[in-house]
Amino acid sequence: MRLADLPPPVPGVAPAGGVRQVLDHEGASHWGDGVLSGLPPRLLSALVTWVERELDPEATAEELGISTSTLGGWLREAGTFTHLPLRKDRPGAVHELLWALYTTGRIHPSTITGSEGEAQPAGPDGRGQGAVAGVGQPRTDTPHPARLYDYFLGGRTNYAADRIAAQQTVEATPTIAVMARENRAFMLRAVRHLAGQEGMRQFLDLGSGIPTEPNLHQVVQAEAPSARIVYVDEDPVVHAHAQALLAGSPLGRTAFLRADAADPSGILTSSEVLECLDLDQPVALSLVALLPFVTDDQTAHEMIRGFTGALAPGSFLTLSHLTGDFDPGGTEVVCRQYERLAGIRIKTRSHDEVAALLDGLELVDPGIVLVHRWRSDRSEDDLADDDVRVGSYGAVARIP
């Protein structure tokens, strides 16, 4: 978790909820003092050390001269004072703590960024005066697709520009939030099935996106505590929040790799994957809501084949994809909105085109269906009411 990767404060908006909100410089220190008010010196010192030791409980306990169980108790006690669940699997709470310590001067930027120099003072746009677009800190003054998705899911990691763009998209296509949430629900049902019914113990999630609870590893490790998960995303905004993905079951393991999903060989030979997964054994690969951003059909096919051709037989692929088969007008509006607001092109694909992406794989029942219909326990009448609104196909397929 790097402070430099977290979006900077933007002037002119009152703080209301911590790091997920936009803070002005004057108000930030007052907000931070409020978060930390009432903390005994013992707990405040422990929190600073915990952050300085990159949320590592063993290193923190050793530095403080206490046991890890005592540290756990202190963190829970500090959580009572700050009203923050201070756990690595709660990104919003941890980020609020980081901002509170930073804005009140209790930690130096280099504590988290690892840089030796002073942080750049913020300019009138809220970014460092020396910042260059696309380099260093992620932009918060323009919408970002990962944060838009987080907003539609009811997540906390989104900013004013994202919320404005999201509301404009909702006004143009009121079903967009339903589409996002049903897509997410499909992913959770699919990985729960793979862990619980198919015995999968290794998961590789491509295009993981910003952490939104429950995360894939939380669902999988609830079924199989020893499961191992690697999240992959090339986006610096996602990378900024990746630390929250790294806390899993003590019996299992989670890791994050910043990489391009269109580079299968680079991902599969990375140290993060090789140290976490045994590629001689089956792996459950996830490509959920990612391929619409791969607009070239040949590139999409090559990406899928690069993974499925390298993974062990008995591996699985979970895939979802935006489609215009049921509401072409509505999905076209979604595509135009994303391109206009975030500069991102999106491609819809038909049932036949999705089937072509899965050619050569063995579809798991019920095959390629709208995501809300994949192994749902809802009634047929209830499902039928949402057919037009959902707008994405989902499927799980076995690699023979």
Protein backbone atom coordinates (compact mmCIF):
# COMPACT_ATOMS: atom_id res chain seq x y z
CA MET A 1 0.00 0.00 0.00
CA ARG A 2 1.66 3.21 -1.19
CA LEU A 3 0.52 6.67 -0.18
CA ALA A 4 1.82 8.03 -3.48
CA ASP A 5 -0.54 5.69 -5.32
CA LEU A 6 -3.58 6.92 -3.40
CA PRO A 7 -5.48 9.80 -5.01
CA PRO A 8 -4.48 13.19 -3.53
CA PRO A 9 -6.81 15.65 -1.81
CA VAL A 10 -8.78 17.97 -4.05
CA PRO A 11 -9.64 21.44 -2.72
CA GLY A 12 -13.15 22.70 -2.25
CA VAL A 13 -15.05 19.65 -1.02
CA ALA A 14 -15.78 19.08 2.64
CA PRO A 15 -14.62 15.74 4.07
CA ALA A 16 -17.38 13.28 4.93
CA GLY A 17 -16.23 9.72 5.26
CA GLY A 18 -12.46 9.56 5.00
CA VAL A 19 -10.26 8.57 2.12
CA ARG A 20 -13.13 7.74 -0.16
CA GLN A 21 -14.14 11.40 -0.03
CA VAL A 22 -12.32 14.37 -1.46
CA LEU A 23 -10.48 16.39 1.21
CA ASP A 24 -9.32 19.99 1.12
CA HIS A 25 -5.95 20.71 2.70
CA GLU A 26 -7.26 22.87 5.55
CA GLY A 27 -10.07 20.53 6.44
CA ALA A 28 -7.96 17.38 6.15
CA SER A 29 -5.99 17.95 9.36
CA HIS A 30 -9.15 18.74 11.31
CA TRP A 31 -10.77 15.60 9.97
CA GLY A 32 -7.68 13.55 10.82
CA ASP A 33 -7.61 14.89 14.38
CA GLY A 34 -11.24 13.90 14.72
CA VAL A 35 -10.57 10.34 13.59
CA LEU A 36 -7.70 9.92 16.03
CA SER A 37 -9.21 11.82 18.96
CA GLY A 38 -9.39 9.90 22.20
CA LEU A 39 -6.75 7.32 21.25
CA PRO A 40 -4.42 6.56 24.17
CA PRO A 41 -0.74 7.21 23.31
CA ARG A 42 -0.07 3.48 23.48
CA LEU A 43 -2.58 2.73 20.74
CA LEU A 44 -1.62 5.72 18.59
CA SER A 45 2.03 4.66 18.69
CA ALA A 46 1.02 1.10 17.79
CA LEU A 47 -0.97 2.32 14.78
CA VAL A 48 1.94 4.38 13.50
CA THR A 49 4.27 1.39 13.85
CA TRP A 50 1.74 -0.89 12.15
CA VAL A 51 1.63 1.44 9.15
CA GLU A 52 5.40 1.89 9.10
CA ARG A 53 5.78 -1.89 9.06
CA GLU A 54 3.41 -2.12 6.06
CA LEU A 55 0.61 -3.72 8.14
CA ASP A 56 2.82 -6.73 8.93
CA PRO A 57 1.62 -8.01 12.34
CA GLU A 58 4.77 -10.00 13.11
CA ALA A 59 7.14 -7.13 12.33
CA THR A 60 4.91 -4.67 14.20
CA ALA A 61 4.67 -6.88 17.30
CA GLU A 62 8.43 -7.41 17.32
CA GLU A 63 9.06 -3.66 17.07
CA LEU A 64 6.65 -2.97 19.93
CA GLY A 65 7.92 -5.87 22.05
CA ILE A 66 4.52 -7.53 22.32
CA SER A 67 2.91 -10.70 21.00
CA THR A 68 0.91 -10.76 17.78
CA SER A 69 -2.20 -11.67 19.76
CA THR A 70 -1.70 -8.62 21.97
CA LEU A 71 -1.27 -6.50 18.85
CA GLY A 72 -4.53 -7.90 17.51
CA GLY A 73 -6.25 -6.83 20.70
CA TRP A 74 -4.74 -3.37 20.46
CA LEU A 75 -5.93 -2.98 16.88
CA ARG A 76 -9.44 -4.01 17.86
CA GLU A 77 -9.32 -1.55 20.76
CA ALA A 78 -8.09 1.20 18.42
CA GLY A 79 -10.90 0.31 16.06
CA THR A 80 -13.37 0.99 18.87
CA PHE A 81 -11.94 4.47 19.42
CA THR A 82 -11.70 5.36 15.70
CA HIS A 83 -14.82 3.49 14.54
CA LEU A 84 -12.62 1.85 11.90
CA PRO A 85 -12.34 -1.96 11.48
CA LEU A 86 -8.54 -1.97 11.25
CA ARG A 87 -7.91 -5.09 9.23
CA LYS A 88 -6.05 -5.56 5.96
CA ASP A 89 -9.20 -6.99 4.41
CA ARG A 90 -11.07 -3.72 5.04
CA PRO A 91 -9.50 -1.31 2.56
CA GLY A 92 -11.72 1.66 3.27
CA ALA A 93 -10.94 1.60 7.00
CA VAL A 94 -7.20 1.15 6.48
CA HIS A 95 -7.09 3.96 3.94
CA GLU A 96 -8.93 6.29 6.32
CA LEU A 97 -6.35 5.50 9.00
CA LEU A 98 -3.52 6.21 6.54
CA TRP A 99 -5.00 9.59 5.66
CA ALA A 100 -5.68 10.48 9.29
CA LEU A 101 -2.07 9.72 10.29
CA TYR A 102 -0.70 11.49 7.22
CA THR A 103 -2.81 14.65 7.38
CA THR A 104 -2.03 15.10 11.09
CA GLY A 105 1.70 14.74 10.49
CA ARG A 106 2.17 11.48 12.35
CA ILE A 107 3.66 9.66 9.38
CA HIS A 108 5.94 11.02 6.66
CA PRO A 109 5.05 10.36 3.01
CA SER A 110 8.26 8.35 2.60
CA THR A 111 7.05 5.97 5.31
CA ILE A 112 4.64 4.48 2.80
CA THR A 113 5.92 5.58 -0.60
CA GLY A 114 9.46 4.42 0.02
CA SER A 115 10.72 7.66 -1.59
CA GLU A 116 13.53 9.57 0.07
CA GLY A 117 12.47 13.01 -1.11
CA GLU A 118 9.71 15.21 0.17
CA ALA A 119 6.28 14.85 -1.33
CA GLN A 120 5.40 17.36 -4.03
CA PRO A 121 3.16 20.13 -2.70
CA ALA A 122 -0.27 19.96 -4.18
CA GLY A 123 -1.09 22.32 -7.00
CA PRO A 124 -4.42 23.99 -7.69
CA ASP A 125 -5.72 20.82 -9.30
CA GLY A 126 -5.00 18.79 -6.17
CA ARG A 127 -2.07 16.88 -7.70
CA GLY A 128 1.59 17.40 -7.03
CA GLN A 129 2.92 20.43 -8.86
CA GLY A 130 5.40 18.26 -10.67
CA ALA A 131 2.91 15.56 -11.49
CA VAL A 132 2.49 14.41 -15.06
CA ALA A 133 -0.76 12.85 -16.19
CA GLY A 134 -0.43 9.09 -16.25
CA VAL A 135 2.73 9.08 -14.09
CA GLY A 136 2.87 8.72 -10.30
CA GLN A 137 -0.39 9.42 -8.54
CA PRO A 138 -3.60 8.27 -10.22
CA ARG A 139 -5.85 11.06 -11.45
CA THR A 140 -8.99 11.76 -9.46
CA ASP A 141 -10.24 14.68 -11.55
CA THR A 142 -11.35 12.40 -14.39
CA PRO A 143 -13.62 9.33 -14.18
CA HIS A 144 -12.01 5.92 -14.08
CA PRO A 145 -13.79 2.73 -15.22
CA ALA A 146 -12.67 0.68 -12.19
CA ARG A 147 -14.00 3.32 -9.82
CA LEU A 148 -17.23 3.66 -11.81
CA TYR A 149 -17.72 -0.09 -11.41
CA ASP A 150 -16.95 0.21 -7.71
CA TYR A 151 -19.59 2.94 -7.40
CA PHE A 152 -22.23 0.85 -9.16
CA LEU A 153 -21.46 -1.99 -6.74
CA GLY A 154 -21.99 0.31 -3.77
CA GLY A 155 -18.28 0.43 -2.97
CA ARG A 156 -16.35 3.17 -1.16
CA THR A 157 -13.40 3.74 -3.46
CA ASN A 158 -14.68 6.39 -5.82
CA TYR A 159 -14.36 10.14 -6.10
CA ALA A 160 -16.34 13.17 -7.16
CA ALA A 161 -15.54 12.85 -10.87
CA ASP A 162 -16.47 9.16 -10.79
CA ARG A 163 -19.75 9.77 -9.01
CA ILE A 164 -20.74 12.56 -11.38
CA ALA A 165 -19.97 10.36 -14.39
CA ALA A 166 -21.75 7.41 -12.81
CA GLN A 167 -24.88 9.45 -12.18
CA GLN A 168 -24.84 10.69 -15.77
CA THR A 169 -24.57 7.08 -16.92
CA VAL A 170 -27.44 6.04 -14.64
CA GLU A 171 -29.58 8.84 -16.05
CA ALA A 172 -28.81 7.65 -19.57
CA THR A 173 -29.08 3.93 -18.74
CA PRO A 174 -30.92 3.30 -15.44
CA THR A 175 -30.11 -0.42 -15.58
CA ILE A 176 -26.33 0.03 -15.35
CA ALA A 177 -26.18 -0.60 -11.58
CA VAL A 178 -28.25 -3.78 -11.99
CA MET A 179 -25.86 -4.94 -14.70
CA ALA A 180 -22.81 -4.39 -12.49
CA ARG A 181 -24.29 -6.02 -9.39
CA GLU A 182 -25.64 -9.08 -11.20
CA ASN A 183 -22.27 -9.52 -12.89
CA ARG A 184 -20.56 -9.42 -9.51
CA ALA A 185 -23.07 -11.84 -8.00
CA PHE A 186 -22.42 -14.26 -10.86
CA MET A 187 -18.69 -14.19 -10.19
CA LEU A 188 -19.22 -14.96 -6.52
CA ARG A 189 -21.57 -17.86 -7.26
CA ALA A 190 -19.17 -19.23 -9.85
CA VAL A 191 -16.07 -19.23 -7.64
CA ARG A 192 -18.07 -20.61 -4.71
CA HIS A 193 -19.15 -23.49 -6.96
CA LEU A 194 -15.60 -24.07 -8.18
CA ALA A 195 -14.19 -24.15 -4.66
CA GLY A 196 -17.05 -26.02 -3.03
CA GLN A 197 -18.22 -28.43 -5.76
CA GLU A 198 -15.31 -28.77 -8.16
CA GLY A 199 -12.58 -28.89 -5.54
CA MET A 200 -10.55 -26.01 -6.98
CA ARG A 201 -7.85 -24.70 -4.67
CA GLN A 202 -6.03 -22.27 -6.97
CA PHE A 203 -7.51 -19.12 -8.51
CA LEU A 204 -6.10 -16.58 -10.96
CA ASP A 205 -8.30 -13.48 -11.28
CA LEU A 206 -7.52 -11.31 -14.31
CA GLY A 207 -8.73 -7.72 -14.27
CA SER A 208 -9.51 -7.97 -10.57
CA GLY A 209 -10.60 -4.35 -10.23
CA ILE A 210 -10.84 -2.32 -7.03
CA PRO A 211 -11.52 -4.40 -3.90
CA THR A 212 -15.24 -4.56 -3.16
CA GLU A 213 -16.37 -6.86 -0.37
CA PRO A 214 -16.82 -9.72 -0.47
CA ASN A 215 -13.69 -10.28 -2.54
CA LEU A 216 -13.05 -13.43 -4.51
CA HIS A 217 -10.56 -14.78 -1.97
CA GLN A 218 -12.99 -14.24 0.90
CA VAL A 219 -15.65 -16.35 -0.81
CA VAL A 220 -13.23 -19.04 -1.96
CA GLN A 221 -11.41 -19.35 1.35
CA ALA A 222 -14.71 -19.57 3.20
CA GLU A 223 -15.25 -22.78 1.23
CA ALA A 224 -11.61 -23.91 1.24
CA PRO A 225 -9.36 -22.09 3.74
CA SER A 226 -6.21 -23.48 2.09
CA ALA A 227 -7.05 -21.98 -1.31
CA ARG A 228 -4.48 -19.73 -3.00
CA ILE A 229 -5.42 -16.71 -5.08
CA VAL A 230 -3.48 -14.35 -7.34
CA TYR A 231 -5.16 -11.13 -8.44
CA VAL A 232 -3.91 -9.50 -11.64
CA ASP A 233 -4.60 -5.97 -12.85
CA GLU A 234 -2.43 -3.51 -14.75
CA ASP A 235 -4.25 -0.42 -13.58
CA PRO A 236 -2.37 1.89 -11.16
CA VAL A 237 -5.64 2.86 -9.48
CA VAL A 238 -6.34 -0.79 -8.69
CA HIS A 239 -2.72 -1.27 -7.65
CA ALA A 240 -3.12 1.59 -5.17
CA HIS A 241 -5.70 -0.45 -3.29
CA ALA A 242 -4.17 -3.88 -3.81
CA GLN A 243 -2.83 -4.21 -0.26
CA ALA A 244 -6.39 -4.82 0.85
CA LEU A 245 -6.46 -7.97 -1.28
CA LEU A 246 -3.49 -9.55 0.44
CA ALA A 247 -5.13 -10.56 3.70
CA GLY A 248 -6.68 -14.00 3.44
CA SER A 249 -7.07 -17.21 5.39
CA PRO A 250 -4.01 -18.13 7.50
CA LEU A 251 -4.08 -21.54 5.80
CA GLY A 252 -4.17 -20.13 2.30
CA ARG A 253 -2.41 -17.36 0.42
CA THR A 254 -3.25 -14.32 -1.66
CA ALA A 255 -1.02 -12.21 -3.90
CA PHE A 256 -1.38 -9.30 -6.30
CA LEU A 257 0.42 -8.86 -9.63
CA ARG A 258 0.38 -5.65 -11.60
CA ALA A 259 0.44 -6.85 -15.20
CA ASP A 260 -1.37 -6.74 -18.52
CA ALA A 261 -3.88 -9.55 -18.92
CA ALA A 262 -3.03 -9.63 -22.62
CA ASP A 263 0.40 -11.06 -21.70
CA PRO A 264 -0.33 -14.65 -20.61
CA SER A 265 3.28 -15.83 -20.70
CA GLY A 266 4.47 -12.85 -18.66
CA ILE A 267 1.81 -13.47 -16.02
CA LEU A 268 2.31 -17.22 -15.81
CA THR A 269 6.10 -16.87 -15.44
CA SER A 270 5.93 -14.05 -12.90
CA SER A 271 7.34 -14.61 -9.42
CA GLU A 272 3.97 -13.70 -7.87
CA VAL A 273 2.20 -16.50 -9.75
CA LEU A 274 4.98 -19.08 -9.47
CA GLU A 275 5.41 -18.52 -5.73
CA CYS A 276 1.69 -18.72 -5.01
CA LEU A 277 0.30 -21.25 -7.51
CA ASP A 278 1.39 -24.70 -8.67
CA LEU A 279 0.80 -24.55 -12.41
CA ASP A 280 1.17 -28.32 -12.71
CA GLN A 281 -2.17 -28.51 -10.90
CA PRO A 282 -5.55 -27.15 -12.07
CA VAL A 283 -6.20 -23.42 -11.75
CA ALA A 284 -9.53 -21.57 -11.86
CA LEU A 285 -9.05 -18.62 -14.20
CA SER A 286 -11.44 -15.65 -14.03
CA LEU A 287 -12.12 -13.22 -16.87
CA VAL A 288 -15.09 -11.42 -15.41
CA ALA A 289 -16.20 -8.18 -17.14
CA LEU A 290 -12.74 -7.82 -18.68
CA LEU A 291 -13.12 -8.83 -22.32
CA PRO A 292 -15.47 -5.96 -23.28
CA PHE A 293 -12.39 -3.76 -22.89
CA VAL A 294 -10.50 -5.99 -25.36
CA THR A 295 -12.17 -4.72 -28.50
CA ASP A 296 -10.12 -6.67 -31.05
CA ASP A 297 -11.48 -10.20 -31.51
CA GLN A 298 -8.14 -11.74 -32.44
CA THR A 299 -6.47 -10.26 -29.38
CA ALA A 300 -9.27 -11.58 -27.15
CA HIS A 301 -8.94 -15.08 -28.66
CA GLU A 302 -5.16 -15.09 -28.34
CA MET A 303 -5.33 -13.93 -24.74
CA ILE A 304 -7.72 -16.71 -23.76
CA ARG A 305 -5.79 -19.38 -25.65
CA GLY A 306 -2.55 -18.17 -24.12
CA PHE A 307 -3.91 -19.05 -20.70
CA THR A 308 -6.03 -22.10 -21.42
CA GLY A 309 -3.26 -23.66 -23.51
CA ALA A 310 -0.78 -23.30 -20.65
CA LEU A 311 -2.93 -24.28 -17.66
CA ALA A 312 -3.16 -27.88 -16.50
CA PRO A 313 -6.05 -30.07 -17.73
CA GLY A 314 -8.97 -29.85 -15.32
CA SER A 315 -8.54 -26.11 -14.93
CA PHE A 316 -11.59 -23.87 -15.33
CA LEU A 317 -12.37 -20.55 -16.99
CA THR A 318 -15.06 -18.24 -15.60
CA LEU A 319 -16.09 -15.56 -18.09
CA SER A 320 -18.69 -12.82 -18.29
CA HIS A 321 -19.28 -10.43 -21.16
CA LEU A 322 -21.49 -7.45 -21.95
CA THR A 323 -24.00 -8.15 -24.73
CA GLY A 324 -26.46 -6.19 -26.81
CA ASP A 325 -28.59 -9.24 -27.60
CA PHE A 326 -31.44 -8.20 -25.29
CA ASP A 327 -31.28 -4.40 -25.16
CA PRO A 328 -29.06 -3.16 -28.01
CA GLY A 329 -30.06 0.45 -27.52
CA GLY A 330 -29.34 0.45 -23.80
CA THR A 331 -25.97 -1.26 -24.08
CA GLU A 332 -24.97 1.08 -26.90
CA VAL A 333 -25.64 4.00 -24.58
CA VAL A 334 -23.43 2.38 -21.92
CA CYS A 335 -20.61 2.01 -24.44
CA ARG A 336 -20.92 5.61 -25.61
CA GLN A 337 -21.01 6.89 -22.04
CA TYR A 338 -17.82 5.05 -21.08
CA GLU A 339 -16.02 6.35 -24.14
CA ARG A 340 -17.24 9.90 -23.66
CA LEU A 341 -16.64 10.14 -19.92
CA ALA A 342 -13.61 7.92 -19.39
CA GLY A 343 -12.10 7.69 -22.86
CA ILE A 344 -12.50 3.90 -22.81
CA ARG A 345 -13.88 1.89 -25.71
CA ILE A 346 -16.12 -1.08 -24.91
CA LYS A 347 -17.22 -3.86 -27.25
CA THR A 348 -20.36 -5.92 -26.80
CA ARG A 349 -20.46 -9.48 -28.09
CA SER A 350 -23.35 -11.71 -29.05
CA HIS A 351 -24.07 -15.19 -27.71
CA ASP A 352 -22.34 -16.73 -30.73
CA GLU A 353 -19.30 -14.50 -30.31
CA VAL A 354 -19.00 -15.43 -26.64
CA ALA A 355 -19.36 -19.09 -27.59
CA ALA A 356 -16.51 -18.65 -30.08
CA LEU A 357 -14.27 -17.37 -27.29
CA LEU A 358 -14.95 -20.59 -25.38
CA ASP A 359 -14.49 -22.90 -28.34
CA GLY A 360 -12.68 -26.10 -27.37
CA LEU A 361 -13.63 -25.87 -23.71
CA GLU A 362 -16.26 -27.96 -21.91
CA LEU A 363 -19.13 -25.79 -20.71
CA VAL A 364 -20.40 -26.40 -17.19
CA ASP A 365 -24.19 -26.58 -16.91
CA PRO A 366 -26.18 -24.41 -17.64
CA GLY A 367 -23.77 -23.21 -20.33
CA ILE A 368 -23.72 -19.64 -21.64
CA VAL A 369 -26.61 -17.77 -20.05
CA LEU A 370 -27.37 -14.33 -18.75
CA VAL A 371 -25.34 -13.91 -15.59
CA HIS A 372 -28.31 -13.71 -13.22
CA ARG A 373 -29.51 -17.09 -14.52
CA TRP A 374 -26.27 -18.97 -13.84
CA ARG A 375 -27.16 -21.39 -11.00
CA SER A 376 -29.50 -18.90 -9.43
CA ASP A 377 -32.05 -19.84 -6.78
CA ARG A 378 -34.47 -17.13 -7.93
CA SER A 379 -37.84 -18.02 -9.43
CA GLU A 380 -38.29 -18.07 -13.21
CA ASP A 381 -40.74 -15.16 -13.08
CA ASP A 382 -38.25 -13.12 -11.07
CA LEU A 383 -35.43 -13.98 -13.45
CA ALA A 384 -37.50 -13.15 -16.52
CA ASP A 385 -38.22 -9.67 -15.17
CA ASP A 386 -34.47 -8.91 -15.22
CA ASP A 387 -33.52 -10.50 -18.55
CA VAL A 388 -33.49 -7.22 -20.47
CA ARG A 389 -31.82 -5.27 -17.67
CA VAL A 390 -28.88 -7.59 -16.92
CA GLY A 391 -27.12 -7.37 -20.27
CA SER A 392 -24.22 -9.77 -19.71
CA TYR A 393 -23.59 -13.41 -20.50
CA GLY A 394 -21.79 -15.64 -18.05
CA ALA A 395 -20.28 -19.09 -18.34
CA VAL A 396 -17.93 -21.49 -16.60
CA ALA A 397 -15.95 -23.91 -18.76
CA ARG A 398 -13.53 -26.73 -18.04
CA ILE A 399 -10.19 -26.97 -19.79
CA PRO A 400 -9.93 -30.56 -21.08
